[in-house]
Structures are given as structure tokens and as C-alpha cells.
């Protein structure tokens, strides 16, 4: 599985293209990005889905543009699906982003699997930052959205946030193999080992 990181908006949210064989998913397209589209075309990738780790505007702002460009559906956890059409939840006005409401093509749940080129990504429900926050795990790698950052963790003071749920989600991620590479929603990559040693939230 190959992971390519991009930044697609002014809030520096990470967007990831994950691919194996000719299949790909685009995780958290936070804004329009010709750079991402060029990469998909250069690698001759078939985008099967746009996967949102959660429903905040800086992670879903490019959904509509990418749907038009790739024809791929949007997948999001069932509890965050309302964020796709509600600016009071997704905070589009708060962050100054234009927002076009949409509906999900697939509602994800804990334990769901996403197959790419014969490899499997498992959906982990990791709420706390939002009710439907998810992480995407496959052996040696996990995309954590705004749940776990390098030496930090997601906010819980926004609509739908819950500190107790976030604590449980962090504990769940902390039980992954120590060498697992963490790809967060903002900032640089890290490892579970590093976070257990240096992250005060773990």
C-alpha cells in the first residue's frame, strides 16, 4: 500500500491518496487540488471512494470538486453523515470555507473493510473529536484524522466533541503495534511507539 500526503487548504489539513495496484482512495479532500488530481492521473489510479475521517469543513471541503473530477462517491461514518449537509456541525462558516451540501454514497461502521488492489483497510470507529470520527488501519499504518496527532490529540470543545470518547479512542489506537506509522489529520507522521513515550494524552 502506498500513501501520498498532500495539503489542500489554508488550515493545513492533510489529504492522503492511498493506493494499491490501480485502486485508490482519497482520504480527507479538504479543498480543490489539481496537484492531487495530477498525481492520480500520473499513477493511472482508479479512485473508488473519497473517505472522510470526520465531517469538519477542513476535511470535507473538496468533496464536491473531487466527486465531479473522479466520479467517486463519498464515504463517511454514519454518525458524521449529517455534517455533510449542516454548516452548524461542519463549521464551514467558522473557518471561512464555501460549502456545498451533499450526501454520502456509503455509511461506514466500525469493522468495515475497504479493499484496494487485494489489500484490506479496516475502519476503526474512533469518536471524540466528532461522534463519527474514524481511523483507517492496515498492518503497519493508520490514518487517524483529528483523533491522534504527533504528541497531541484532537479537540473536544467543538459540536459533537466528547472527551471521554476521545480518551477511549486514544487508548484503542495506543494498543496498535508499536511500529505502526501514524498519519494524522494535521502535521507530520509519527509512530505509536513515539506517541506512547511522548504524547501526554496517551
N, C-alpha and C. Protein backbone atom coordinates (compact mmCIF):
# COMPACT_ATOMS: atom_id res chain seq x y z
N UNK A 1 0.86 -1.18 0.00
CA UNK A 1 0.00 0.00 0.00
C UNK A 1 0.89 1.24 0.00
N UNK A 2 0.59 2.17 -0.87
CA UNK A 2 1.37 3.40 -0.97
C UNK A 2 0.53 4.56 -0.43
N UNK A 3 1.16 5.43 0.37
CA UNK A 3 0.49 6.59 0.94
C UNK A 3 1.20 7.84 0.46
N UNK A 4 0.45 8.76 -0.13
CA UNK A 4 1.00 10.03 -0.60
C UNK A 4 0.23 11.15 0.09
N UNK A 5 0.97 12.06 0.74
CA UNK A 5 0.36 13.14 1.52
C UNK A 5 0.33 14.45 0.73
N UNK A 6 -0.79 15.15 0.85
CA UNK A 6 -0.95 16.47 0.25
C UNK A 6 -1.59 17.39 1.29
N UNK A 7 -1.43 18.69 1.09
CA UNK A 7 -2.15 19.68 1.89
C UNK A 7 -3.02 20.47 0.93
N UNK A 8 -4.33 20.49 1.19
CA UNK A 8 -5.27 21.01 0.19
C UNK A 8 -6.05 22.23 0.64
N UNK A 9 -5.70 22.82 1.79
CA UNK A 9 -6.39 24.04 2.20
C UNK A 9 -5.52 24.87 3.13
N UNK A 10 -6.00 26.07 3.46
CA UNK A 10 -5.22 27.00 4.25
C UNK A 10 -5.10 26.60 5.71
N UNK A 11 -5.92 25.66 6.17
CA UNK A 11 -5.83 25.19 7.54
C UNK A 11 -4.87 24.01 7.68
N UNK A 12 -4.15 23.71 6.60
CA UNK A 12 -3.09 22.69 6.61
C UNK A 12 -3.59 21.32 7.02
N UNK A 13 -4.82 20.99 6.60
CA UNK A 13 -5.31 19.64 6.83
C UNK A 13 -4.65 18.69 5.83
N UNK A 14 -4.26 17.54 6.31
CA UNK A 14 -3.63 16.55 5.44
C UNK A 14 -4.68 15.81 4.62
N UNK A 15 -4.38 15.64 3.34
CA UNK A 15 -5.16 14.81 2.43
C UNK A 15 -4.24 13.69 1.98
N UNK A 16 -4.73 12.47 2.03
CA UNK A 16 -3.90 11.32 1.66
C UNK A 16 -4.50 10.58 0.47
N UNK A 17 -3.64 10.24 -0.47
CA UNK A 17 -4.01 9.28 -1.51
C UNK A 17 -3.38 7.95 -1.10
N UNK A 18 -4.23 6.95 -0.92
CA UNK A 18 -3.77 5.62 -0.54
C UNK A 18 -4.08 4.70 -1.71
N UNK A 19 -3.07 3.98 -2.19
CA UNK A 19 -3.35 3.13 -3.35
C UNK A 19 -2.56 1.83 -3.32
N UNK A 20 -3.16 0.84 -3.95
CA UNK A 20 -2.55 -0.47 -4.13
C UNK A 20 -3.03 -1.00 -5.47
N UNK A 21 -2.09 -1.46 -6.30
CA UNK A 21 -2.46 -1.81 -7.66
C UNK A 21 -2.96 -0.55 -8.36
N UNK A 22 -4.08 -0.66 -9.03
CA UNK A 22 -4.63 0.50 -9.74
C UNK A 22 -5.74 1.20 -8.96
N UNK A 23 -6.08 0.68 -7.78
CA UNK A 23 -7.18 1.24 -6.99
C UNK A 23 -6.66 2.22 -5.96
N UNK A 24 -7.45 3.26 -5.69
CA UNK A 24 -7.06 4.28 -4.72
C UNK A 24 -8.26 4.82 -3.98
N UNK A 25 -8.00 5.34 -2.78
CA UNK A 25 -8.96 6.17 -2.08
C UNK A 25 -8.28 7.51 -1.81
N UNK A 26 -9.08 8.56 -1.79
CA UNK A 26 -8.60 9.88 -1.40
C UNK A 26 -9.21 10.16 -0.03
N UNK A 27 -8.35 10.31 0.96
CA UNK A 27 -8.80 10.49 2.34
C UNK A 27 -8.75 11.97 2.71
N UNK A 28 -9.87 12.50 3.13
CA UNK A 28 -10.00 13.89 3.60
C UNK A 28 -9.58 14.93 2.57
N UNK A 29 -10.27 14.98 1.44
CA UNK A 29 -10.01 16.05 0.47
C UNK A 29 -10.55 17.37 1.01
N UNK A 30 -9.68 18.15 1.64
CA UNK A 30 -10.12 19.36 2.32
C UNK A 30 -10.38 20.54 1.41
N UNK A 31 -9.99 20.43 0.15
CA UNK A 31 -10.21 21.51 -0.79
C UNK A 31 -9.91 21.03 -2.20
N UNK A 32 -10.18 21.87 -3.16
CA UNK A 32 -9.85 21.55 -4.55
C UNK A 32 -8.34 21.44 -4.70
N UNK A 33 -7.87 20.45 -5.47
CA UNK A 33 -6.43 20.28 -5.61
C UNK A 33 -6.09 19.65 -6.95
N UNK A 34 -5.59 20.47 -7.85
CA UNK A 34 -5.11 19.94 -9.13
C UNK A 34 -3.90 19.06 -8.93
N UNK A 35 -3.11 19.36 -7.88
CA UNK A 35 -1.93 18.55 -7.59
C UNK A 35 -2.31 17.10 -7.28
N UNK A 36 -3.35 16.94 -6.48
CA UNK A 36 -3.83 15.58 -6.19
C UNK A 36 -4.35 14.92 -7.46
N UNK A 37 -5.13 15.66 -8.23
CA UNK A 37 -5.69 15.10 -9.45
C UNK A 37 -4.58 14.69 -10.42
N UNK A 38 -3.54 15.52 -10.53
CA UNK A 38 -2.41 15.19 -11.40
C UNK A 38 -1.74 13.90 -10.95
N UNK A 39 -1.58 13.74 -9.65
CA UNK A 39 -0.96 12.52 -9.12
C UNK A 39 -1.79 11.30 -9.48
N UNK A 40 -3.10 11.40 -9.31
CA UNK A 40 -3.98 10.28 -9.63
C UNK A 40 -3.86 9.90 -11.11
N UNK A 41 -3.78 10.90 -11.94
CA UNK A 41 -3.68 10.65 -13.38
C UNK A 41 -2.31 10.10 -13.76
N UNK A 42 -1.27 10.65 -13.17
CA UNK A 42 0.09 10.18 -13.47
C UNK A 42 0.28 8.73 -13.07
N UNK A 43 -0.35 8.34 -11.97
CA UNK A 43 -0.24 6.96 -11.49
C UNK A 43 -1.29 6.03 -12.09
N UNK A 44 -2.14 6.58 -12.97
CA UNK A 44 -3.22 5.80 -13.62
C UNK A 44 -4.10 5.11 -12.58
N UNK A 45 -4.53 5.87 -11.59
CA UNK A 45 -5.29 5.30 -10.47
C UNK A 45 -6.79 5.46 -10.67
N UNK A 46 -7.51 4.44 -10.26
CA UNK A 46 -8.97 4.44 -10.25
C UNK A 46 -9.42 4.72 -8.83
N UNK A 47 -10.02 5.90 -8.63
CA UNK A 47 -10.46 6.28 -7.28
C UNK A 47 -11.79 5.61 -6.99
N UNK A 48 -11.80 4.71 -6.01
CA UNK A 48 -13.04 4.00 -5.69
C UNK A 48 -13.89 4.78 -4.69
N UNK A 49 -13.26 5.68 -3.90
CA UNK A 49 -14.02 6.44 -2.92
C UNK A 49 -13.22 7.61 -2.40
N UNK A 50 -13.96 8.63 -1.95
CA UNK A 50 -13.41 9.72 -1.16
C UNK A 50 -13.84 9.44 0.27
N UNK A 51 -12.88 9.18 1.14
CA UNK A 51 -13.18 8.76 2.51
C UNK A 51 -12.91 9.92 3.46
N UNK A 52 -13.93 10.33 4.22
CA UNK A 52 -13.78 11.38 5.21
C UNK A 52 -13.58 10.76 6.59
N UNK A 53 -12.49 11.11 7.27
CA UNK A 53 -12.28 10.60 8.62
C UNK A 53 -13.26 11.22 9.60
N UNK A 54 -13.76 12.40 9.28
CA UNK A 54 -14.81 13.05 10.07
C UNK A 54 -15.38 14.19 9.24
N UNK A 55 -16.38 14.89 9.80
CA UNK A 55 -17.16 15.79 8.96
C UNK A 55 -16.84 17.26 9.06
N UNK A 56 -15.69 17.65 9.57
CA UNK A 56 -15.37 19.07 9.64
C UNK A 56 -14.96 19.62 8.27
N UNK A 57 -15.26 20.90 8.06
CA UNK A 57 -15.11 21.51 6.74
C UNK A 57 -13.70 21.41 6.18
N UNK A 58 -12.69 21.49 7.05
CA UNK A 58 -11.31 21.45 6.53
C UNK A 58 -10.91 20.06 6.06
N UNK A 59 -11.78 19.07 6.28
CA UNK A 59 -11.51 17.71 5.80
C UNK A 59 -12.49 17.26 4.73
N UNK A 60 -13.58 17.99 4.54
CA UNK A 60 -14.58 17.60 3.53
C UNK A 60 -14.78 18.67 2.46
N UNK A 61 -14.06 19.79 2.57
CA UNK A 61 -14.31 20.93 1.69
C UNK A 61 -14.12 20.66 0.21
N UNK A 62 -13.33 19.65 -0.14
CA UNK A 62 -13.10 19.33 -1.54
C UNK A 62 -13.95 18.20 -2.06
N UNK A 63 -14.85 17.68 -1.24
CA UNK A 63 -15.65 16.52 -1.65
C UNK A 63 -16.33 16.73 -2.99
N UNK A 64 -17.09 17.83 -3.10
CA UNK A 64 -17.88 18.06 -4.31
C UNK A 64 -16.99 18.16 -5.54
N UNK A 65 -15.89 18.87 -5.43
CA UNK A 65 -14.96 19.04 -6.55
C UNK A 65 -14.39 17.70 -6.97
N UNK A 66 -13.98 16.89 -6.01
CA UNK A 66 -13.39 15.59 -6.34
C UNK A 66 -14.41 14.60 -6.88
N UNK A 67 -15.65 14.70 -6.39
CA UNK A 67 -16.71 13.86 -6.95
C UNK A 67 -16.88 14.17 -8.43
N UNK A 68 -16.89 15.46 -8.77
CA UNK A 68 -17.05 15.86 -10.17
C UNK A 68 -15.87 15.42 -11.02
N UNK A 69 -14.67 15.50 -10.46
CA UNK A 69 -13.46 15.19 -11.23
C UNK A 69 -13.22 13.68 -11.36
N UNK A 70 -13.59 12.91 -10.35
CA UNK A 70 -13.25 11.47 -10.35
C UNK A 70 -14.46 10.56 -10.51
N UNK A 71 -15.65 11.06 -10.20
CA UNK A 71 -16.84 10.22 -10.23
C UNK A 71 -16.96 9.31 -9.03
N UNK A 72 -16.05 9.44 -8.07
CA UNK A 72 -16.06 8.56 -6.90
C UNK A 72 -17.07 9.05 -5.86
N UNK A 73 -17.67 8.13 -5.11
CA UNK A 73 -18.61 8.51 -4.05
C UNK A 73 -17.87 8.91 -2.78
N UNK A 74 -18.60 9.59 -1.89
CA UNK A 74 -18.08 9.96 -0.58
C UNK A 74 -18.51 8.92 0.45
N UNK A 75 -17.53 8.45 1.24
CA UNK A 75 -17.81 7.51 2.32
C UNK A 75 -17.46 8.19 3.64
N UNK A 76 -18.34 8.05 4.64
CA UNK A 76 -18.15 8.67 5.94
C UNK A 76 -18.89 7.83 6.97
N UNK A 77 -18.45 7.88 8.22
CA UNK A 77 -19.15 7.12 9.26
C UNK A 77 -20.59 7.62 9.38
N UNK A 78 -21.47 6.70 9.69
CA UNK A 78 -22.89 7.03 9.73
C UNK A 78 -23.22 8.16 10.72
N UNK A 79 -22.46 8.27 11.81
CA UNK A 79 -22.75 9.30 12.79
C UNK A 79 -22.28 10.69 12.37
N UNK A 80 -21.38 10.75 11.40
CA UNK A 80 -20.92 12.05 10.90
C UNK A 80 -21.56 12.42 9.57
N UNK A 81 -22.41 11.56 9.03
CA UNK A 81 -23.07 11.86 7.76
C UNK A 81 -23.83 13.19 7.81
N UNK A 82 -24.50 13.55 8.93
CA UNK A 82 -25.21 14.83 8.97
C UNK A 82 -24.29 16.04 8.77
N UNK A 83 -23.02 15.90 9.06
CA UNK A 83 -22.07 17.00 8.89
C UNK A 83 -21.93 17.41 7.42
N UNK A 84 -22.21 16.50 6.52
CA UNK A 84 -22.06 16.78 5.10
C UNK A 84 -23.06 17.83 4.59
N UNK A 85 -24.11 18.06 5.36
CA UNK A 85 -25.16 18.96 4.89
C UNK A 85 -25.54 20.03 5.92
N UNK A 86 -24.76 20.16 7.00
CA UNK A 86 -25.14 21.06 8.08
C UNK A 86 -23.93 21.91 8.47
N UNK A 87 -23.97 23.20 8.09
CA UNK A 87 -22.83 24.08 8.37
C UNK A 87 -22.65 24.36 9.86
N UNK A 88 -23.70 24.20 10.66
CA UNK A 88 -23.55 24.39 12.10
C UNK A 88 -22.73 23.25 12.71
N UNK A 89 -22.69 22.11 12.04
CA UNK A 89 -21.88 20.98 12.51
C UNK A 89 -20.49 20.98 11.88
N UNK A 90 -20.43 21.21 10.56
CA UNK A 90 -19.13 21.08 9.89
C UNK A 90 -18.27 22.33 10.00
N UNK A 91 -18.84 23.43 10.51
CA UNK A 91 -18.07 24.65 10.82
C UNK A 91 -17.53 25.36 9.59
N UNK A 92 -18.19 25.21 8.46
CA UNK A 92 -17.71 25.84 7.22
C UNK A 92 -17.62 27.36 7.37
N UNK A 93 -18.64 27.98 7.96
CA UNK A 93 -18.61 29.43 8.12
C UNK A 93 -17.53 29.84 9.12
N UNK A 94 -17.34 29.04 10.14
CA UNK A 94 -16.35 29.35 11.17
C UNK A 94 -14.95 29.42 10.59
N UNK A 95 -14.64 28.53 9.63
CA UNK A 95 -13.30 28.51 9.05
C UNK A 95 -13.23 29.28 7.73
N UNK A 96 -14.34 29.92 7.34
CA UNK A 96 -14.33 30.76 6.15
C UNK A 96 -14.29 30.00 4.84
N UNK A 97 -14.82 28.77 4.82
CA UNK A 97 -14.84 27.98 3.59
C UNK A 97 -16.22 28.00 2.96
N UNK A 98 -16.24 28.05 1.64
CA UNK A 98 -17.50 27.83 0.94
C UNK A 98 -17.85 26.36 1.02
N UNK A 99 -19.13 26.09 1.13
CA UNK A 99 -19.54 24.71 1.39
C UNK A 99 -20.77 24.36 0.57
N UNK A 100 -20.72 23.21 -0.08
CA UNK A 100 -21.85 22.73 -0.86
C UNK A 100 -22.35 21.43 -0.24
N UNK A 101 -23.56 21.43 0.33
CA UNK A 101 -24.07 20.23 0.99
C UNK A 101 -24.13 19.03 0.04
N UNK A 102 -23.94 17.85 0.60
CA UNK A 102 -24.02 16.63 -0.19
C UNK A 102 -24.41 15.47 0.69
N UNK A 103 -24.66 14.33 0.08
CA UNK A 103 -24.99 13.11 0.82
C UNK A 103 -23.93 12.06 0.59
N UNK A 104 -23.82 11.15 1.52
CA UNK A 104 -22.81 10.10 1.43
C UNK A 104 -23.25 8.98 0.50
N UNK A 105 -22.28 8.41 -0.19
CA UNK A 105 -22.56 7.24 -1.01
C UNK A 105 -22.52 5.95 -0.23
N UNK A 106 -21.78 5.97 0.89
CA UNK A 106 -21.71 4.79 1.76
C UNK A 106 -21.52 5.26 3.19
N UNK A 107 -22.26 4.67 4.11
CA UNK A 107 -22.13 4.97 5.52
C UNK A 107 -21.27 3.89 6.17
N UNK A 108 -20.16 4.32 6.73
CA UNK A 108 -19.20 3.39 7.30
C UNK A 108 -19.52 3.09 8.76
N UNK A 109 -19.08 1.92 9.20
CA UNK A 109 -19.24 1.49 10.59
C UNK A 109 -17.95 0.82 11.06
N UNK A 110 -17.81 0.71 12.35
CA UNK A 110 -16.63 0.07 12.92
C UNK A 110 -16.49 -1.36 12.38
N UNK A 111 -15.28 -1.69 11.94
CA UNK A 111 -15.02 -3.03 11.43
C UNK A 111 -15.24 -3.19 9.94
N UNK A 112 -15.81 -2.19 9.28
CA UNK A 112 -15.96 -2.29 7.82
C UNK A 112 -14.59 -2.40 7.17
N UNK A 113 -14.56 -3.01 6.01
CA UNK A 113 -13.30 -3.19 5.28
C UNK A 113 -13.36 -2.50 3.93
N UNK A 114 -12.24 -1.92 3.56
CA UNK A 114 -12.07 -1.28 2.25
C UNK A 114 -10.97 -2.03 1.53
N UNK A 115 -11.29 -2.60 0.38
CA UNK A 115 -10.29 -3.40 -0.35
C UNK A 115 -9.67 -2.56 -1.46
N UNK A 116 -8.35 -2.56 -1.48
CA UNK A 116 -7.59 -1.86 -2.52
C UNK A 116 -6.56 -2.82 -3.09
N UNK A 117 -6.73 -3.16 -4.34
CA UNK A 117 -5.74 -3.99 -5.01
C UNK A 117 -5.40 -5.27 -4.28
N UNK A 118 -6.38 -5.88 -3.65
CA UNK A 118 -6.16 -7.13 -2.93
C UNK A 118 -5.73 -6.94 -1.49
N UNK A 119 -5.47 -5.70 -1.07
CA UNK A 119 -5.15 -5.41 0.32
C UNK A 119 -6.38 -4.82 1.02
N UNK A 120 -6.39 -4.92 2.35
CA UNK A 120 -7.59 -4.53 3.10
C UNK A 120 -7.26 -3.47 4.13
N UNK A 121 -8.07 -2.42 4.15
CA UNK A 121 -8.04 -1.37 5.17
C UNK A 121 -9.25 -1.57 6.07
N UNK A 122 -9.03 -1.53 7.38
CA UNK A 122 -10.12 -1.71 8.34
C UNK A 122 -10.52 -0.37 8.93
N UNK A 123 -11.81 -0.13 8.99
CA UNK A 123 -12.35 1.09 9.58
C UNK A 123 -12.44 0.90 11.10
N UNK A 124 -11.80 1.81 11.83
CA UNK A 124 -11.89 1.83 13.29
C UNK A 124 -12.70 3.05 13.70
N UNK A 125 -13.78 2.84 14.43
CA UNK A 125 -14.56 3.97 14.92
C UNK A 125 -13.80 4.58 16.10
N UNK A 126 -13.34 5.82 15.92
CA UNK A 126 -12.55 6.49 16.97
C UNK A 126 -13.18 7.85 17.27
N UNK A 127 -14.34 7.86 17.94
CA UNK A 127 -15.05 9.11 18.21
C UNK A 127 -14.38 9.94 19.30
N UNK A 128 -14.90 11.14 19.47
CA UNK A 128 -14.40 12.04 20.49
C UNK A 128 -14.23 13.44 19.95
N UNK A 129 -13.49 13.55 18.85
CA UNK A 129 -13.40 14.84 18.15
C UNK A 129 -14.74 15.14 17.49
N UNK A 130 -15.33 14.13 16.88
CA UNK A 130 -16.71 14.14 16.41
C UNK A 130 -17.32 12.79 16.74
N UNK A 131 -18.65 12.67 16.71
CA UNK A 131 -19.27 11.38 17.05
C UNK A 131 -18.90 10.25 16.10
N UNK A 132 -18.67 10.59 14.82
CA UNK A 132 -18.39 9.56 13.83
C UNK A 132 -16.97 9.57 13.32
N UNK A 133 -16.06 10.06 14.12
CA UNK A 133 -14.66 10.04 13.70
C UNK A 133 -14.16 8.61 13.48
N UNK A 134 -13.37 8.42 12.44
CA UNK A 134 -12.82 7.10 12.17
C UNK A 134 -11.31 7.20 11.94
N UNK A 135 -10.66 6.06 12.12
CA UNK A 135 -9.28 5.86 11.71
C UNK A 135 -9.27 4.72 10.71
N UNK A 136 -8.27 4.71 9.84
CA UNK A 136 -8.17 3.69 8.79
C UNK A 136 -6.88 2.91 9.03
N UNK A 137 -7.02 1.64 9.34
CA UNK A 137 -5.86 0.82 9.73
C UNK A 137 -5.60 -0.30 8.74
N UNK A 138 -4.35 -0.49 8.42
CA UNK A 138 -3.88 -1.71 7.78
C UNK A 138 -2.51 -2.01 8.37
N UNK A 139 -2.02 -3.23 8.30
CA UNK A 139 -0.81 -3.60 9.03
C UNK A 139 0.33 -2.62 8.81
N UNK A 140 0.78 -2.04 9.92
CA UNK A 140 1.90 -1.12 9.89
C UNK A 140 1.55 0.34 9.69
N UNK A 141 0.26 0.64 9.47
CA UNK A 141 -0.14 2.01 9.12
C UNK A 141 -1.52 2.33 9.69
N UNK A 142 -1.72 3.59 10.09
CA UNK A 142 -3.06 4.03 10.49
C UNK A 142 -3.20 5.52 10.20
N UNK A 143 -4.30 5.87 9.54
CA UNK A 143 -4.67 7.27 9.31
C UNK A 143 -5.66 7.64 10.42
N UNK A 144 -5.33 8.67 11.21
CA UNK A 144 -6.09 8.92 12.43
C UNK A 144 -6.98 10.16 12.38
N UNK A 145 -7.03 10.87 11.25
CA UNK A 145 -7.86 12.06 11.20
C UNK A 145 -7.46 13.03 12.29
N UNK A 146 -8.46 13.62 12.98
CA UNK A 146 -8.17 14.56 14.05
C UNK A 146 -8.32 13.91 15.43
N UNK A 147 -8.11 12.60 15.49
CA UNK A 147 -8.13 11.92 16.79
C UNK A 147 -6.77 11.98 17.45
N UNK A 148 -5.74 11.55 16.73
CA UNK A 148 -4.38 11.49 17.27
C UNK A 148 -3.43 12.25 16.37
N UNK A 149 -2.68 13.18 16.96
CA UNK A 149 -1.63 13.91 16.27
C UNK A 149 -0.28 13.56 16.88
N UNK A 150 0.78 14.00 16.25
CA UNK A 150 2.11 13.84 16.83
C UNK A 150 2.18 14.63 18.14
N UNK A 151 2.29 13.90 19.24
CA UNK A 151 2.42 14.46 20.59
C UNK A 151 1.23 15.31 21.00
N UNK A 152 0.07 15.06 20.40
CA UNK A 152 -1.13 15.80 20.76
C UNK A 152 -2.36 14.98 20.37
N UNK A 153 -3.54 15.57 20.56
CA UNK A 153 -4.80 14.88 20.25
C UNK A 153 -5.84 15.90 19.84
N UNK A 154 -6.94 15.40 19.32
CA UNK A 154 -7.98 16.26 18.79
C UNK A 154 -8.75 17.03 19.84
N UNK A 155 -9.32 18.15 19.42
CA UNK A 155 -10.15 18.97 20.30
C UNK A 155 -11.47 18.26 20.58
N UNK A 156 -12.02 18.58 21.75
CA UNK A 156 -13.34 18.03 22.09
C UNK A 156 -14.34 19.13 22.44
N UNK A 157 -13.96 20.41 22.18
CA UNK A 157 -14.82 21.53 22.55
C UNK A 157 -15.65 22.06 21.38
N UNK A 158 -15.69 21.30 20.28
CA UNK A 158 -16.50 21.67 19.13
C UNK A 158 -17.79 20.85 19.14
N UNK A 159 -18.79 21.23 18.34
CA UNK A 159 -20.06 20.49 18.35
C UNK A 159 -19.86 18.99 18.15
N UNK A 160 -20.41 18.19 19.06
CA UNK A 160 -20.30 16.74 18.97
C UNK A 160 -19.07 16.18 19.65
N UNK A 161 -18.18 17.04 20.16
CA UNK A 161 -16.98 16.55 20.82
C UNK A 161 -17.29 15.92 22.16
N UNK A 162 -16.45 14.95 22.57
CA UNK A 162 -16.66 14.25 23.84
C UNK A 162 -15.32 13.76 24.34
N UNK A 163 -14.86 14.31 25.46
CA UNK A 163 -13.52 13.99 25.95
C UNK A 163 -13.39 12.55 26.41
N UNK A 164 -14.45 12.00 27.01
CA UNK A 164 -14.38 10.60 27.45
C UNK A 164 -14.25 9.66 26.26
N UNK A 165 -15.03 9.94 25.20
CA UNK A 165 -14.93 9.12 23.99
C UNK A 165 -13.56 9.25 23.36
N UNK A 166 -13.02 10.47 23.33
CA UNK A 166 -11.69 10.64 22.74
C UNK A 166 -10.65 9.86 23.53
N UNK A 167 -10.75 9.88 24.85
CA UNK A 167 -9.82 9.11 25.66
C UNK A 167 -9.85 7.64 25.33
N UNK A 168 -11.04 7.09 25.17
CA UNK A 168 -11.16 5.67 24.82
C UNK A 168 -10.60 5.40 23.43
N UNK A 169 -10.83 6.33 22.50
CA UNK A 169 -10.30 6.16 21.14
C UNK A 169 -8.78 6.18 21.14
N UNK A 170 -8.19 7.07 21.93
CA UNK A 170 -6.73 7.14 22.02
C UNK A 170 -6.17 5.86 22.61
N UNK A 171 -6.84 5.31 23.62
CA UNK A 171 -6.41 4.04 24.19
C UNK A 171 -6.46 2.92 23.15
N UNK A 172 -7.51 2.93 22.34
CA UNK A 172 -7.62 1.91 21.29
C UNK A 172 -6.47 2.03 20.30
N UNK A 173 -6.17 3.25 19.88
CA UNK A 173 -5.06 3.44 18.95
C UNK A 173 -3.73 3.09 19.61
N UNK A 174 -3.61 3.38 20.89
CA UNK A 174 -2.38 3.08 21.61
C UNK A 174 -2.09 1.60 21.74
N UNK A 175 -3.10 0.77 21.50
CA UNK A 175 -2.90 -0.69 21.55
C UNK A 175 -2.46 -1.28 20.21
N UNK A 176 -2.38 -0.45 19.19
CA UNK A 176 -1.88 -0.95 17.90
C UNK A 176 -0.39 -1.29 18.04
N UNK A 177 0.14 -2.10 17.14
CA UNK A 177 1.56 -2.44 17.21
C UNK A 177 2.44 -1.19 17.27
N UNK A 178 3.50 -1.25 18.06
CA UNK A 178 4.31 -0.07 18.34
C UNK A 178 4.93 0.55 17.09
N UNK A 179 5.24 -0.26 16.09
CA UNK A 179 5.89 0.26 14.89
C UNK A 179 4.90 0.83 13.88
N UNK A 180 3.62 0.85 14.23
CA UNK A 180 2.61 1.39 13.31
C UNK A 180 2.87 2.85 13.02
N UNK A 181 2.93 3.20 11.74
CA UNK A 181 3.10 4.59 11.33
C UNK A 181 1.75 5.29 11.42
N UNK A 182 1.73 6.47 12.04
CA UNK A 182 0.51 7.24 12.22
C UNK A 182 0.51 8.41 11.23
N UNK A 183 -0.55 8.49 10.44
CA UNK A 183 -0.75 9.60 9.50
C UNK A 183 -1.90 10.46 10.04
N UNK A 184 -1.60 11.58 10.69
CA UNK A 184 -2.66 12.37 11.32
C UNK A 184 -3.35 13.33 10.35
N UNK A 185 -4.43 13.94 10.83
CA UNK A 185 -5.18 14.89 10.02
C UNK A 185 -4.48 16.21 9.83
N UNK A 186 -3.55 16.54 10.70
CA UNK A 186 -2.73 17.74 10.59
C UNK A 186 -1.32 17.38 11.07
N UNK A 187 -0.33 17.98 10.46
CA UNK A 187 1.03 17.80 10.94
C UNK A 187 1.71 16.57 10.38
N UNK A 188 2.89 16.30 10.93
CA UNK A 188 3.76 15.26 10.42
C UNK A 188 3.38 13.88 10.95
N UNK A 189 3.86 12.86 10.23
CA UNK A 189 3.62 11.48 10.64
C UNK A 189 4.43 11.15 11.90
N UNK A 190 4.02 10.11 12.58
CA UNK A 190 4.69 9.66 13.78
C UNK A 190 4.51 8.15 13.89
N UNK A 191 4.78 7.58 15.04
CA UNK A 191 4.55 6.16 15.26
C UNK A 191 3.83 5.98 16.60
N UNK A 192 3.20 4.85 16.76
CA UNK A 192 2.54 4.56 18.03
C UNK A 192 3.57 4.53 19.15
N UNK A 193 4.73 3.96 18.91
CA UNK A 193 5.79 3.92 19.93
C UNK A 193 6.15 5.34 20.39
N UNK A 194 6.34 6.24 19.44
CA UNK A 194 6.69 7.62 19.79
C UNK A 194 5.60 8.27 20.63
N UNK A 195 4.36 8.02 20.26
CA UNK A 195 3.25 8.65 20.99
C UNK A 195 3.10 8.10 22.39
N UNK A 196 3.30 6.80 22.56
CA UNK A 196 3.22 6.22 23.92
C UNK A 196 4.31 6.82 24.81
N UNK A 197 5.46 7.10 24.23
CA UNK A 197 6.57 7.65 25.00
C UNK A 197 6.40 9.14 25.30
N UNK A 198 5.87 9.92 24.34
CA UNK A 198 5.94 11.36 24.44
C UNK A 198 4.61 12.11 24.38
N UNK A 199 3.53 11.44 24.07
CA UNK A 199 2.25 12.12 23.95
C UNK A 199 1.55 12.13 25.31
N UNK A 200 1.31 13.30 25.90
CA UNK A 200 0.69 13.34 27.23
C UNK A 200 -0.73 12.78 27.25
N UNK A 201 -1.39 12.74 26.09
CA UNK A 201 -2.75 12.20 26.04
C UNK A 201 -2.76 10.68 26.05
N UNK A 202 -1.61 10.05 25.82
CA UNK A 202 -1.51 8.60 25.89
C UNK A 202 -0.77 8.14 27.15
